Amino acid sequence: MKGMITMTSNLNAVEKADALYDIGRDFVERAQIHGSVVENQFDSCSFDKWRKGVNDLLYQIGGCEDPHYQRFSKYVREPNVKDLQEGLRILAAIRDEMSCASINSGPEASKGKHDCGRLSVSYY
């Protein structure tokens, strides 16, 4: 991410990331339950709306030079489970980073507690 995000905008972005993650997870779960039938008949319009929402969020957070934005643009292109899972990993990583930024900018940060643990799925 480019610089530190303020806590207010960070919370809003975390909520957006959570909502987009839930939508993407729902797509993947439906495809896994029903197998290739759903995957072949995947709702392209819903995928495109989800993809645009994630792209917009990633751009808002870090701009077009951000590694997460770059990776998402490159690897999440088609309405299939593989691309959705990649998008979910990117969303989880960015959410972890935003949560860490919130913790580090909160009252505890001034007491010297700067690490928020190892990020589980961070990309770079």
N, C-alpha and C. Protein backbone atom coordinates (compact mmCIF):
# COMPACT_ATOMS: atom_id res chain seq x y z
N MET A 1 0.83 -1.18 0.00
CA MET A 1 0.00 0.00 0.00
C MET A 1 0.87 1.24 0.00
N LYS A 2 0.36 2.27 -0.62
CA LYS A 2 1.07 3.54 -0.61
C LYS A 2 0.74 4.28 0.67
N GLY A 3 1.67 4.36 1.56
CA GLY A 3 1.48 5.12 2.77
C GLY A 3 0.45 4.53 3.71
N MET A 4 0.24 5.20 4.81
CA MET A 4 -0.69 4.75 5.83
C MET A 4 -2.08 5.30 5.54
N ILE A 5 -3.08 4.49 5.69
CA ILE A 5 -4.46 4.89 5.50
C ILE A 5 -5.00 5.36 6.84
N THR A 6 -5.82 6.42 6.84
CA THR A 6 -6.39 6.87 8.09
C THR A 6 -7.37 5.82 8.59
N MET A 7 -7.60 5.81 9.89
CA MET A 7 -8.44 4.78 10.48
C MET A 7 -9.87 4.84 9.93
N THR A 8 -10.43 6.01 9.72
CA THR A 8 -11.80 6.12 9.23
C THR A 8 -11.94 5.54 7.84
N SER A 9 -11.09 5.95 6.92
CA SER A 9 -11.18 5.41 5.57
C SER A 9 -10.80 3.94 5.55
N ASN A 10 -9.93 3.53 6.47
CA ASN A 10 -9.52 2.14 6.57
C ASN A 10 -10.71 1.27 6.96
N LEU A 11 -11.50 1.71 7.92
CA LEU A 11 -12.65 0.93 8.34
C LEU A 11 -13.65 0.79 7.21
N ASN A 12 -13.89 1.86 6.48
CA ASN A 12 -14.79 1.82 5.34
C ASN A 12 -14.27 0.85 4.29
N ALA A 13 -12.99 0.89 4.00
CA ALA A 13 -12.39 0.00 3.02
C ALA A 13 -12.42 -1.44 3.50
N VAL A 14 -12.21 -1.67 4.79
CA VAL A 14 -12.29 -3.03 5.34
C VAL A 14 -13.70 -3.57 5.18
N GLU A 15 -14.71 -2.74 5.44
CA GLU A 15 -16.09 -3.18 5.27
C GLU A 15 -16.37 -3.53 3.81
N LYS A 16 -15.88 -2.72 2.88
CA LYS A 16 -16.05 -3.01 1.45
C LYS A 16 -15.34 -4.30 1.08
N ALA A 17 -14.13 -4.48 1.58
CA ALA A 17 -13.37 -5.69 1.29
C ALA A 17 -14.10 -6.92 1.83
N ASP A 18 -14.65 -6.80 3.04
CA ASP A 18 -15.42 -7.91 3.62
C ASP A 18 -16.63 -8.27 2.77
N ALA A 19 -17.36 -7.25 2.34
CA ALA A 19 -18.56 -7.49 1.53
C ALA A 19 -18.19 -8.13 0.19
N LEU A 20 -17.14 -7.64 -0.45
CA LEU A 20 -16.70 -8.21 -1.73
C LEU A 20 -16.18 -9.63 -1.54
N TYR A 21 -15.50 -9.87 -0.43
CA TYR A 21 -15.00 -11.21 -0.14
C TYR A 21 -16.18 -12.18 0.00
N ASP A 22 -17.21 -11.75 0.74
CA ASP A 22 -18.38 -12.61 0.94
C ASP A 22 -19.07 -12.95 -0.39
N ILE A 23 -19.17 -11.97 -1.26
CA ILE A 23 -19.79 -12.20 -2.57
C ILE A 23 -18.97 -13.21 -3.37
N GLY A 24 -17.66 -13.00 -3.43
CA GLY A 24 -16.79 -13.92 -4.16
C GLY A 24 -16.80 -15.31 -3.58
N ARG A 25 -16.79 -15.40 -2.25
CA ARG A 25 -16.82 -16.70 -1.57
C ARG A 25 -18.13 -17.44 -1.90
N ASP A 26 -19.22 -16.71 -1.97
CA ASP A 26 -20.51 -17.31 -2.31
C ASP A 26 -20.47 -17.89 -3.73
N PHE A 27 -19.87 -17.17 -4.66
CA PHE A 27 -19.72 -17.67 -6.04
C PHE A 27 -18.94 -18.99 -6.03
N VAL A 28 -17.82 -19.01 -5.32
CA VAL A 28 -16.96 -20.20 -5.29
C VAL A 28 -17.68 -21.37 -4.63
N GLU A 29 -18.35 -21.12 -3.51
CA GLU A 29 -19.05 -22.20 -2.82
C GLU A 29 -20.15 -22.80 -3.69
N ARG A 30 -20.91 -21.98 -4.38
CA ARG A 30 -21.96 -22.50 -5.27
C ARG A 30 -21.35 -23.36 -6.37
N ALA A 31 -20.23 -22.93 -6.92
CA ALA A 31 -19.57 -23.70 -7.99
C ALA A 31 -19.04 -25.02 -7.45
N GLN A 32 -18.51 -25.03 -6.22
CA GLN A 32 -17.96 -26.25 -5.66
C GLN A 32 -19.06 -27.24 -5.28
N ILE A 33 -20.21 -26.73 -4.84
CA ILE A 33 -21.32 -27.60 -4.48
C ILE A 33 -21.93 -28.25 -5.71
N HIS A 34 -22.09 -27.47 -6.75
CA HIS A 34 -22.78 -27.95 -7.94
C HIS A 34 -21.85 -28.42 -9.04
N GLY A 35 -20.57 -28.26 -8.87
CA GLY A 35 -19.61 -28.76 -9.84
C GLY A 35 -19.56 -27.97 -11.13
N SER A 36 -19.16 -28.64 -12.19
CA SER A 36 -18.90 -27.95 -13.45
C SER A 36 -20.15 -27.39 -14.11
N VAL A 37 -21.32 -27.87 -13.74
CA VAL A 37 -22.55 -27.33 -14.34
C VAL A 37 -22.66 -25.84 -14.06
N VAL A 38 -22.45 -25.45 -12.81
CA VAL A 38 -22.52 -24.03 -12.45
C VAL A 38 -21.34 -23.29 -13.06
N GLU A 39 -20.16 -23.90 -13.03
CA GLU A 39 -18.98 -23.23 -13.55
C GLU A 39 -19.15 -22.91 -15.03
N ASN A 40 -19.76 -23.82 -15.79
CA ASN A 40 -19.98 -23.57 -17.21
C ASN A 40 -21.06 -22.53 -17.46
N GLN A 41 -21.99 -22.40 -16.52
CA GLN A 41 -23.09 -21.46 -16.67
C GLN A 41 -22.96 -20.29 -15.71
N PHE A 42 -21.73 -19.96 -15.38
CA PHE A 42 -21.45 -18.91 -14.40
C PHE A 42 -22.02 -17.58 -14.85
N ASP A 43 -22.58 -16.84 -13.94
CA ASP A 43 -23.19 -15.54 -14.25
C ASP A 43 -22.09 -14.51 -14.51
N SER A 44 -21.81 -14.28 -15.79
CA SER A 44 -20.73 -13.36 -16.17
C SER A 44 -20.99 -11.94 -15.72
N CYS A 45 -22.24 -11.51 -15.75
CA CYS A 45 -22.57 -10.15 -15.33
C CYS A 45 -22.26 -9.94 -13.85
N SER A 46 -22.66 -10.89 -13.00
CA SER A 46 -22.36 -10.79 -11.57
C SER A 46 -20.86 -10.79 -11.32
N PHE A 47 -20.14 -11.64 -12.05
CA PHE A 47 -18.69 -11.69 -11.91
C PHE A 47 -18.07 -10.34 -12.31
N ASP A 48 -18.54 -9.78 -13.43
CA ASP A 48 -18.01 -8.49 -13.89
C ASP A 48 -18.25 -7.39 -12.87
N LYS A 49 -19.44 -7.38 -12.25
CA LYS A 49 -19.74 -6.38 -11.21
C LYS A 49 -18.82 -6.57 -10.01
N TRP A 50 -18.62 -7.83 -9.61
CA TRP A 50 -17.74 -8.13 -8.47
C TRP A 50 -16.32 -7.71 -8.79
N ARG A 51 -15.85 -8.07 -9.98
CA ARG A 51 -14.49 -7.73 -10.39
C ARG A 51 -14.29 -6.22 -10.42
N LYS A 52 -15.26 -5.49 -10.96
CA LYS A 52 -15.17 -4.03 -10.98
C LYS A 52 -15.12 -3.47 -9.56
N GLY A 53 -15.95 -4.01 -8.67
CA GLY A 53 -15.95 -3.54 -7.28
C GLY A 53 -14.60 -3.74 -6.61
N VAL A 54 -14.00 -4.91 -6.83
CA VAL A 54 -12.68 -5.19 -6.24
C VAL A 54 -11.62 -4.29 -6.87
N ASN A 55 -11.66 -4.16 -8.19
CA ASN A 55 -10.70 -3.28 -8.88
C ASN A 55 -10.80 -1.86 -8.35
N ASP A 56 -12.01 -1.35 -8.21
CA ASP A 56 -12.21 0.01 -7.70
C ASP A 56 -11.65 0.17 -6.29
N LEU A 57 -11.92 -0.83 -5.43
CA LEU A 57 -11.42 -0.79 -4.06
C LEU A 57 -9.89 -0.80 -4.04
N LEU A 58 -9.29 -1.70 -4.80
CA LEU A 58 -7.83 -1.79 -4.83
C LEU A 58 -7.20 -0.52 -5.37
N TYR A 59 -7.83 0.08 -6.37
CA TYR A 59 -7.33 1.34 -6.91
C TYR A 59 -7.45 2.45 -5.86
N GLN A 60 -8.58 2.50 -5.16
CA GLN A 60 -8.80 3.50 -4.12
C GLN A 60 -7.74 3.38 -3.02
N ILE A 61 -7.37 2.18 -2.68
CA ILE A 61 -6.43 1.95 -1.59
C ILE A 61 -4.99 2.25 -2.00
N GLY A 62 -4.57 1.76 -3.17
CA GLY A 62 -3.15 1.88 -3.50
C GLY A 62 -2.82 2.43 -4.87
N GLY A 63 -3.83 2.70 -5.69
CA GLY A 63 -3.55 3.20 -7.03
C GLY A 63 -3.16 2.09 -7.98
N CYS A 64 -2.90 2.47 -9.22
CA CYS A 64 -2.65 1.46 -10.25
C CYS A 64 -1.25 0.83 -10.16
N GLU A 65 -0.36 1.40 -9.37
CA GLU A 65 0.98 0.83 -9.20
C GLU A 65 1.05 -0.16 -8.04
N ASP A 66 -0.03 -0.25 -7.26
CA ASP A 66 -0.06 -1.15 -6.11
C ASP A 66 0.06 -2.60 -6.55
N PRO A 67 0.89 -3.40 -5.88
CA PRO A 67 1.07 -4.81 -6.27
C PRO A 67 -0.23 -5.62 -6.25
N HIS A 68 -1.11 -5.32 -5.30
CA HIS A 68 -2.38 -6.05 -5.24
C HIS A 68 -3.25 -5.72 -6.45
N TYR A 69 -3.30 -4.45 -6.80
CA TYR A 69 -4.07 -4.02 -7.97
C TYR A 69 -3.50 -4.68 -9.23
N GLN A 70 -2.19 -4.67 -9.36
CA GLN A 70 -1.53 -5.26 -10.52
C GLN A 70 -1.83 -6.76 -10.62
N ARG A 71 -1.69 -7.46 -9.50
CA ARG A 71 -1.92 -8.90 -9.48
C ARG A 71 -3.38 -9.23 -9.80
N PHE A 72 -4.30 -8.47 -9.21
CA PHE A 72 -5.71 -8.71 -9.46
C PHE A 72 -6.03 -8.49 -10.94
N SER A 73 -5.54 -7.40 -11.50
CA SER A 73 -5.79 -7.09 -12.91
C SER A 73 -5.24 -8.17 -13.83
N LYS A 74 -4.12 -8.75 -13.44
CA LYS A 74 -3.46 -9.74 -14.29
C LYS A 74 -4.09 -11.13 -14.18
N TYR A 75 -4.48 -11.54 -12.97
CA TYR A 75 -4.87 -12.92 -12.75
C TYR A 75 -6.36 -13.16 -12.54
N VAL A 76 -7.14 -12.12 -12.36
CA VAL A 76 -8.58 -12.31 -12.14
C VAL A 76 -9.31 -11.71 -13.33
N ARG A 77 -9.54 -12.55 -14.33
CA ARG A 77 -10.12 -12.07 -15.59
C ARG A 77 -11.37 -12.82 -16.01
N GLU A 78 -11.44 -14.10 -15.70
CA GLU A 78 -12.52 -14.95 -16.20
C GLU A 78 -13.46 -15.37 -15.07
N PRO A 79 -14.74 -15.55 -15.38
CA PRO A 79 -15.70 -15.97 -14.36
C PRO A 79 -15.59 -17.48 -14.08
N ASN A 80 -14.47 -17.87 -13.45
CA ASN A 80 -14.30 -19.27 -13.08
C ASN A 80 -13.75 -19.34 -11.66
N VAL A 81 -13.80 -20.54 -11.09
CA VAL A 81 -13.41 -20.73 -9.70
C VAL A 81 -11.95 -20.35 -9.47
N LYS A 82 -11.07 -20.73 -10.37
CA LYS A 82 -9.64 -20.44 -10.20
C LYS A 82 -9.39 -18.94 -10.07
N ASP A 83 -9.97 -18.15 -10.97
CA ASP A 83 -9.78 -16.70 -10.91
C ASP A 83 -10.42 -16.11 -9.66
N LEU A 84 -11.59 -16.62 -9.30
CA LEU A 84 -12.26 -16.12 -8.09
C LEU A 84 -11.42 -16.42 -6.85
N GLN A 85 -10.86 -17.61 -6.77
CA GLN A 85 -10.03 -17.94 -5.61
C GLN A 85 -8.80 -17.04 -5.52
N GLU A 86 -8.21 -16.72 -6.65
CA GLU A 86 -7.07 -15.78 -6.66
C GLU A 86 -7.53 -14.41 -6.15
N GLY A 87 -8.68 -13.96 -6.63
CA GLY A 87 -9.23 -12.68 -6.17
C GLY A 87 -9.51 -12.68 -4.68
N LEU A 88 -10.00 -13.80 -4.16
CA LEU A 88 -10.27 -13.91 -2.73
C LEU A 88 -8.98 -13.85 -1.92
N ARG A 89 -7.92 -14.48 -2.42
CA ARG A 89 -6.63 -14.41 -1.71
C ARG A 89 -6.12 -12.96 -1.66
N ILE A 90 -6.29 -12.25 -2.75
CA ILE A 90 -5.84 -10.85 -2.80
C ILE A 90 -6.67 -10.01 -1.85
N LEU A 91 -7.99 -10.21 -1.85
CA LEU A 91 -8.85 -9.47 -0.92
C LEU A 91 -8.50 -9.76 0.53
N ALA A 92 -8.23 -11.03 0.84
CA ALA A 92 -7.86 -11.39 2.21
C ALA A 92 -6.55 -10.71 2.61
N ALA A 93 -5.60 -10.67 1.68
CA ALA A 93 -4.31 -10.04 1.98
C ALA A 93 -4.48 -8.55 2.23
N ILE A 94 -5.24 -7.89 1.39
CA ILE A 94 -5.41 -6.44 1.55
C ILE A 94 -6.21 -6.13 2.82
N ARG A 95 -7.16 -6.99 3.14
CA ARG A 95 -7.92 -6.79 4.37
C ARG A 95 -7.02 -6.95 5.60
N ASP A 96 -6.15 -7.96 5.57
CA ASP A 96 -5.19 -8.15 6.66
C ASP A 96 -4.30 -6.93 6.82
N GLU A 97 -3.83 -6.40 5.70
CA GLU A 97 -2.95 -5.23 5.76
C GLU A 97 -3.69 -4.00 6.29
N MET A 98 -4.95 -3.82 5.88
CA MET A 98 -5.72 -2.68 6.38
C MET A 98 -6.01 -2.83 7.87
N SER A 99 -6.31 -4.05 8.30
CA SER A 99 -6.55 -4.29 9.73
C SER A 99 -5.30 -4.01 10.53
N CYS A 100 -4.18 -4.43 10.01
CA CYS A 100 -2.89 -4.17 10.68
C CYS A 100 -2.64 -2.67 10.77
N ALA A 101 -2.94 -1.95 9.69
CA ALA A 101 -2.75 -0.49 9.69
C ALA A 101 -3.64 0.16 10.73
N SER A 102 -4.86 -0.33 10.91
CA SER A 102 -5.76 0.21 11.93
C SER A 102 -5.21 -0.03 13.32
N ILE A 103 -4.70 -1.23 13.54
CA ILE A 103 -4.14 -1.55 14.86
C ILE A 103 -2.93 -0.67 15.13
N ASN A 104 -2.08 -0.53 14.13
CA ASN A 104 -0.85 0.26 14.31
C ASN A 104 -1.10 1.75 14.42
N SER A 105 -2.27 2.24 13.98
CA SER A 105 -2.55 3.67 14.10
C SER A 105 -3.45 3.96 15.30
N GLY A 106 -3.87 2.92 16.02
CA GLY A 106 -4.75 3.09 17.18
C GLY A 106 -3.98 3.48 18.42
N PRO A 107 -4.66 3.59 19.55
CA PRO A 107 -4.04 4.01 20.81
C PRO A 107 -2.90 3.11 21.26
N GLU A 108 -2.98 1.82 20.96
CA GLU A 108 -1.93 0.90 21.38
C GLU A 108 -0.63 1.15 20.64
N ALA A 109 -0.70 1.73 19.45
CA ALA A 109 0.51 1.97 18.66
C ALA A 109 1.46 2.91 19.39
N SER A 110 0.91 3.86 20.13
CA SER A 110 1.77 4.80 20.84
C SER A 110 2.48 4.15 22.02
N LYS A 111 2.05 2.95 22.41
CA LYS A 111 2.69 2.25 23.52
C LYS A 111 3.76 1.28 23.05
N GLY A 112 4.09 1.36 21.75
CA GLY A 112 5.18 0.53 21.25
C GLY A 112 4.75 -0.82 20.70
N LYS A 113 3.46 -1.09 20.60
CA LYS A 113 2.99 -2.36 20.06
C LYS A 113 2.73 -2.19 18.57
N HIS A 114 3.78 -2.41 17.76
CA HIS A 114 3.69 -2.11 16.34
C HIS A 114 3.48 -3.33 15.46
N ASP A 115 3.73 -4.53 15.96
CA ASP A 115 3.53 -5.66 15.06
C ASP A 115 2.15 -6.26 15.32
N CYS A 116 1.51 -6.68 14.25
CA CYS A 116 0.19 -7.28 14.41
C CYS A 116 0.22 -8.70 13.90
N GLY A 117 1.37 -9.31 14.02
CA GLY A 117 1.50 -10.70 13.62
C GLY A 117 1.83 -10.85 12.15
N ARG A 118 2.13 -12.04 11.81
CA ARG A 118 2.46 -12.37 10.42
C ARG A 118 1.17 -12.40 9.62
N LEU A 119 1.14 -11.72 8.49
CA LEU A 119 -0.03 -11.73 7.65
C LEU A 119 -0.13 -13.08 6.96
N SER A 120 -1.33 -13.65 6.99
CA SER A 120 -1.50 -15.02 6.54
C SER A 120 -1.36 -15.21 5.05
N VAL A 121 -1.83 -14.25 4.25
CA VAL A 121 -1.85 -14.47 2.80
C VAL A 121 -1.31 -13.28 2.02
N SER A 122 -0.46 -12.49 2.63
CA SER A 122 0.02 -11.28 1.98
C SER A 122 0.80 -11.60 0.71
N TYR A 123 0.60 -10.79 -0.29
CA TYR A 123 1.26 -10.93 -1.59
C TYR A 123 2.31 -9.84 -1.77
N TYR A 124 3.43 -10.19 -2.35
CA TYR A 124 4.41 -9.22 -2.85
C TYR A 124 5.40 -9.91 -3.70
